[in-house]
Amino acid sequence: MTFRKSFDCYEFYERAKVGEKCTLDDWDLMKIPMKAMELKQKYGIDFKGEFVPTDKDMMENLFHAGFEMLLDCGVYCTDTRRIVKYTEDEIWDAINNVQREFVLGTGREAVNIRKRSVSDKRKLIVQGGPTGSPIYEDCLCLST
């Protein structure tokens, strides 16, 4: 299998202009839940009360289900109301060429994010907030 360099934001934008049209309600209430139910059955996904599964087979099944979800469903672009699709090669390229380290934030709030592996002993870094999600101006109010 040969891989090409992951596409950039310009390629994403081009695909977001021509992808399959879809309403947010259809995406949130139909496409994603229906596919999730299908994949849950296909891969026998059951957390059995565990928030983070530790069973190796379950972890493998979750990976395959997530991969298939991305491949089949793509990513919804709220700005264009279209679905951006990825090929299997593009997904593998992104997985195999993940950025190993980067700085998130600035000044005193800067945090060095490093790739972790299964059973990594380093403390988790929990990143919260609207990163990667739409946020509207009226939500950016500060209370005094």
C-alpha atoms as a PDB file:
ATOM      1  CA  MET A   1       0.000   0.000   0.000  1.00  0.00           C
ATOM      2  CA  THR A   2       1.427   3.396  -0.917  1.00  0.00           C
ATOM      3  CA  PHE A   3       0.567   6.534   0.973  1.00  0.00           C
ATOM      4  CA  ARG A   4       0.522  10.125  -0.116  1.00  0.00           C
ATOM      5  CA  LYS A   5       1.029  13.068   2.183  1.00  0.00           C
ATOM      6  CA  SER A   6      -2.113  13.892   4.149  1.00  0.00           C
ATOM      7  CA  PHE A   7      -4.073  16.629   2.527  1.00  0.00           C
ATOM      8  CA  ASP A   8      -4.094  20.103   3.999  1.00  0.00           C
ATOM      9  CA  CYS A   9      -6.852  22.534   5.002  1.00  0.00           C
ATOM     10  CA  TYR A  10      -7.196  23.715   1.401  1.00  0.00           C
ATOM     11  CA  GLU A  11      -7.984  20.187   0.233  1.00  0.00           C
ATOM     12  CA  PHE A  12     -10.483  19.832   3.088  1.00  0.00           C
ATOM     13  CA  TYR A  13     -12.152  23.076   2.023  1.00  0.00           C
ATOM     14  CA  GLU A  14     -12.374  21.926  -1.593  1.00  0.00           C
ATOM     15  CA  ARG A  15     -14.041  18.690  -0.496  1.00  0.00           C
ATOM     16  CA  ALA A  16     -16.335  20.593   1.859  1.00  0.00           C
ATOM     17  CA  LYS A  17     -17.656  22.567  -1.115  1.00  0.00           C
ATOM     18  CA  VAL A  18     -18.589  19.495  -3.170  1.00  0.00           C
ATOM     19  CA  GLY A  19     -19.320  16.754  -0.640  1.00  0.00           C
ATOM     20  CA  GLU A  20     -22.702  15.150  -0.108  1.00  0.00           C
ATOM     21  CA  LYS A  21     -25.277  17.633   1.199  1.00  0.00           C
ATOM     22  CA  CYS A  22     -26.677  16.828   4.625  1.00  0.00           C
ATOM     23  CA  THR A  23     -28.550  18.721   7.316  1.00  0.00           C
ATOM     24  CA  LEU A  24     -27.109  18.833  10.809  1.00  0.00           C
ATOM     25  CA  ASP A  25     -30.210  17.051  12.136  1.00  0.00           C
ATOM     26  CA  ASP A  26     -29.838  14.226   9.598  1.00  0.00           C
ATOM     27  CA  TRP A  27     -26.164  13.910  10.541  1.00  0.00           C
ATOM     28  CA  ASP A  28     -26.674  14.052  14.333  1.00  0.00           C
ATOM     29  CA  LEU A  29     -29.949  12.153  14.564  1.00  0.00           C
ATOM     30  CA  MET A  30     -29.768   9.648  11.710  1.00  0.00           C
ATOM     31  CA  LYS A  31     -26.425   9.010   9.979  1.00  0.00           C
ATOM     32  CA  ILE A  32     -24.147   8.809  13.010  1.00  0.00           C
ATOM     33  CA  PRO A  33     -26.486   6.989  15.455  1.00  0.00           C
ATOM     34  CA  MET A  34     -27.559   4.426  12.824  1.00  0.00           C
ATOM     35  CA  LYS A  35     -23.959   3.672  11.844  1.00  0.00           C
ATOM     36  CA  ALA A  36     -22.926   3.498  15.511  1.00  0.00           C
ATOM     37  CA  MET A  37     -25.662   0.923  16.240  1.00  0.00           C
ATOM     38  CA  GLU A  38     -24.616  -1.106  13.188  1.00  0.00           C
ATOM     39  CA  LEU A  39     -20.950  -1.075  14.225  1.00  0.00           C
ATOM     40  CA  LYS A  40     -21.780  -1.865  17.861  1.00  0.00           C
ATOM     41  CA  GLN A  41     -23.458  -5.069  16.706  1.00  0.00           C
ATOM     42  CA  LYS A  42     -20.880  -5.898  14.026  1.00  0.00           C
ATOM     43  CA  TYR A  43     -17.930  -5.598  16.420  1.00  0.00           C
ATOM     44  CA  GLY A  44     -19.670  -6.770  19.614  1.00  0.00           C
ATOM     45  CA  ILE A  45     -18.920  -3.550  21.434  1.00  0.00           C
ATOM     46  CA  ASP A  46     -19.968  -3.639  25.092  1.00  0.00           C
ATOM     47  CA  PHE A  47     -18.113  -1.613  27.709  1.00  0.00           C
ATOM     48  CA  LYS A  48     -19.482  -3.770  30.585  1.00  0.00           C
ATOM     49  CA  GLY A  49     -19.313  -0.845  32.998  1.00  0.00           C
ATOM     50  CA  GLU A  50     -15.747   0.116  32.028  1.00  0.00           C
ATOM     51  CA  PHE A  51     -15.307   3.740  31.004  1.00  0.00           C
ATOM     52  CA  VAL A  52     -12.006   2.958  29.296  1.00  0.00           C
ATOM     53  CA  PRO A  53     -11.790  -0.643  28.114  1.00  0.00           C
ATOM     54  CA  THR A  54      -8.644  -2.578  28.998  1.00  0.00           C
ATOM     55  CA  ASP A  55      -9.478  -5.796  27.132  1.00  0.00           C
ATOM     56  CA  LYS A  56      -7.151  -6.045  24.105  1.00  0.00           C
ATOM     57  CA  ASP A  57      -9.844  -7.549  21.850  1.00  0.00           C
ATOM     58  CA  MET A  58     -12.298  -4.792  22.785  1.00  0.00           C
ATOM     59  CA  MET A  59      -9.666  -2.120  22.091  1.00  0.00           C
ATOM     60  CA  GLU A  60      -9.004  -3.696  18.681  1.00  0.00           C
ATOM     61  CA  ASN A  61     -12.735  -3.844  17.917  1.00  0.00           C
ATOM     62  CA  LEU A  62     -13.161  -0.192  18.923  1.00  0.00           C
ATOM     63  CA  PHE A  63     -10.327   0.808  16.607  1.00  0.00           C
ATOM     64  CA  HIS A  64     -11.855  -1.072  13.671  1.00  0.00           C
ATOM     65  CA  ALA A  65     -15.315   0.337  14.389  1.00  0.00           C
ATOM     66  CA  GLY A  66     -13.941   3.887  14.585  1.00  0.00           C
ATOM     67  CA  PHE A  67     -11.946   3.426  11.404  1.00  0.00           C
ATOM     68  CA  GLU A  68     -15.005   2.098   9.579  1.00  0.00           C
ATOM     69  CA  MET A  69     -17.159   4.931  10.980  1.00  0.00           C
ATOM     70  CA  LEU A  70     -14.758   7.546   9.602  1.00  0.00           C
ATOM     71  CA  LEU A  71     -14.388   5.761   6.269  1.00  0.00           C
ATOM     72  CA  ASP A  72     -18.140   5.317   5.744  1.00  0.00           C
ATOM     73  CA  CYS A  73     -19.467   8.519   7.316  1.00  0.00           C
ATOM     74  CA  GLY A  74     -16.681  11.045   6.810  1.00  0.00           C
ATOM     75  CA  VAL A  75     -16.704  14.359   8.683  1.00  0.00           C
ATOM     76  CA  TYR A  76     -19.567  16.850   8.727  1.00  0.00           C
ATOM     77  CA  CYS A  77     -18.690  20.442   7.818  1.00  0.00           C
ATOM     78  CA  THR A  78     -21.191  22.734   9.547  1.00  0.00           C
ATOM     79  CA  ASP A  79     -20.198  25.741   7.431  1.00  0.00           C
ATOM     80  CA  THR A  80     -21.051  24.155   4.077  1.00  0.00           C
ATOM     81  CA  ARG A  81     -23.539  21.562   5.368  1.00  0.00           C
ATOM     82  CA  ARG A  82     -21.672  18.883   3.451  1.00  0.00           C
ATOM     83  CA  ILE A  83     -19.855  15.667   4.274  1.00  0.00           C
ATOM     84  CA  VAL A  84     -16.102  15.460   3.716  1.00  0.00           C
ATOM     85  CA  LYS A  85     -14.962  11.918   2.914  1.00  0.00           C
ATOM     86  CA  TYR A  86     -11.546  10.323   3.313  1.00  0.00           C
ATOM     87  CA  THR A  87     -10.086   7.324   1.520  1.00  0.00           C
ATOM     88  CA  GLU A  88      -8.690   4.357   3.409  1.00  0.00           C
ATOM     89  CA  ASP A  89      -5.165   5.351   2.314  1.00  0.00           C
ATOM     90  CA  GLU A  90      -5.665   8.903   3.639  1.00  0.00           C
ATOM     91  CA  ILE A  91      -6.830   7.605   7.011  1.00  0.00           C
ATOM     92  CA  TRP A  92      -3.866   5.239   7.306  1.00  0.00           C
ATOM     93  CA  ASP A  93      -1.538   8.043   6.248  1.00  0.00           C
ATOM     94  CA  ALA A  94      -2.887  10.261   9.021  1.00  0.00           C
ATOM     95  CA  ILE A  95      -2.540   7.440  11.574  1.00  0.00           C
ATOM     96  CA  ASN A  96       0.993   6.564  10.506  1.00  0.00           C
ATOM     97  CA  ASN A  97       2.205  10.150  10.298  1.00  0.00           C
ATOM     98  CA  VAL A  98       0.692  11.660  13.417  1.00  0.00           C
ATOM     99  CA  GLN A  99       2.536  14.636  14.856  1.00  0.00           C
ATOM    100  CA  ARG A 100       4.474  13.243  17.827  1.00  0.00           C
ATOM    101  CA  GLU A 101       4.660  16.447  19.830  1.00  0.00           C
ATOM    102  CA  PHE A 102       3.264  20.000  19.792  1.00  0.00           C
ATOM    103  CA  VAL A 103       2.592  22.943  22.090  1.00  0.00           C
ATOM    104  CA  LEU A 104      -1.015  23.784  22.910  1.00  0.00           C
ATOM    105  CA  GLY A 105      -1.719  27.244  24.312  1.00  0.00           C
ATOM    106  CA  THR A 106       0.552  30.189  25.012  1.00  0.00           C
ATOM    107  CA  GLY A 107       2.415  31.762  27.891  1.00  0.00           C
ATOM    108  CA  ARG A 108       1.706  30.294  31.338  1.00  0.00           C
ATOM    109  CA  GLU A 109      -1.056  28.146  29.850  1.00  0.00           C
ATOM    110  CA  ALA A 110       1.191  26.465  27.257  1.00  0.00           C
ATOM    111  CA  VAL A 111       1.297  22.670  27.511  1.00  0.00           C
ATOM    112  CA  ASN A 112       3.608  20.341  25.631  1.00  0.00           C
ATOM    113  CA  ILE A 113       1.448  17.543  24.196  1.00  0.00           C
ATOM    114  CA  ARG A 114       3.323  14.305  23.431  1.00  0.00           C
ATOM    115  CA  LYS A 115       2.083  11.144  21.760  1.00  0.00           C
ATOM    116  CA  ARG A 116       1.271   8.467  24.328  1.00  0.00           C
ATOM    117  CA  SER A 117       1.114   4.722  23.917  1.00  0.00           C
ATOM    118  CA  VAL A 118      -1.051   2.066  25.539  1.00  0.00           C
ATOM    119  CA  SER A 119      -0.178   1.760  29.270  1.00  0.00           C
ATOM    120  CA  ASP A 120       1.936   4.939  29.110  1.00  0.00           C
ATOM    121  CA  LYS A 121       2.807   5.982  32.678  1.00  0.00           C
ATOM    122  CA  ARG A 122       2.906   9.716  31.946  1.00  0.00           C
ATOM    123  CA  LYS A 123      -0.011  11.748  33.271  1.00  0.00           C
ATOM    124  CA  LEU A 124      -2.855  12.466  30.880  1.00  0.00           C
ATOM    125  CA  ILE A 125      -3.351  15.973  29.581  1.00  0.00           C
ATOM    126  CA  VAL A 126      -7.026  16.804  29.340  1.00  0.00           C
ATOM    127  CA  GLN A 127      -7.775  19.474  26.758  1.00  0.00           C
ATOM    128  CA  GLY A 128     -11.189  21.055  27.109  1.00  0.00           C
ATOM    129  CA  GLY A 129     -13.060  23.788  25.331  1.00  0.00           C
ATOM    130  CA  PRO A 130     -14.324  24.251  21.800  1.00  0.00           C
ATOM    131  CA  THR A 131     -11.204  23.128  19.899  1.00  0.00           C
ATOM    132  CA  GLY A 132     -12.393  21.774  16.567  1.00  0.00           C
ATOM    133  CA  SER A 133     -15.994  22.688  17.276  1.00  0.00           C
ATOM    134  CA  PRO A 134     -17.994  25.706  16.196  1.00  0.00           C
ATOM    135  CA  ILE A 135     -18.441  28.423  18.791  1.00  0.00           C
ATOM    136  CA  TYR A 136     -20.586  31.471  18.326  1.00  0.00           C
ATOM    137  CA  GLU A 137     -19.812  35.013  19.432  1.00  0.00           C
ATOM    138  CA  ASP A 138     -22.745  35.171  21.835  1.00  0.00           C
ATOM    139  CA  CYS A 139     -21.211  32.216  23.717  1.00  0.00           C
ATOM    140  CA  LEU A 140     -18.003  34.152  24.372  1.00  0.00           C
ATOM    141  CA  CYS A 141     -19.221  36.271  27.245  1.00  0.00           C
ATOM    142  CA  LEU A 142     -17.227  36.747  30.428  1.00  0.00           C
ATOM    143  CA  SER A 143     -18.942  37.090  33.768  1.00  0.00           C
ATOM    144  CA  THR A 144     -17.582  39.643  36.237  1.00  0.00           C
END
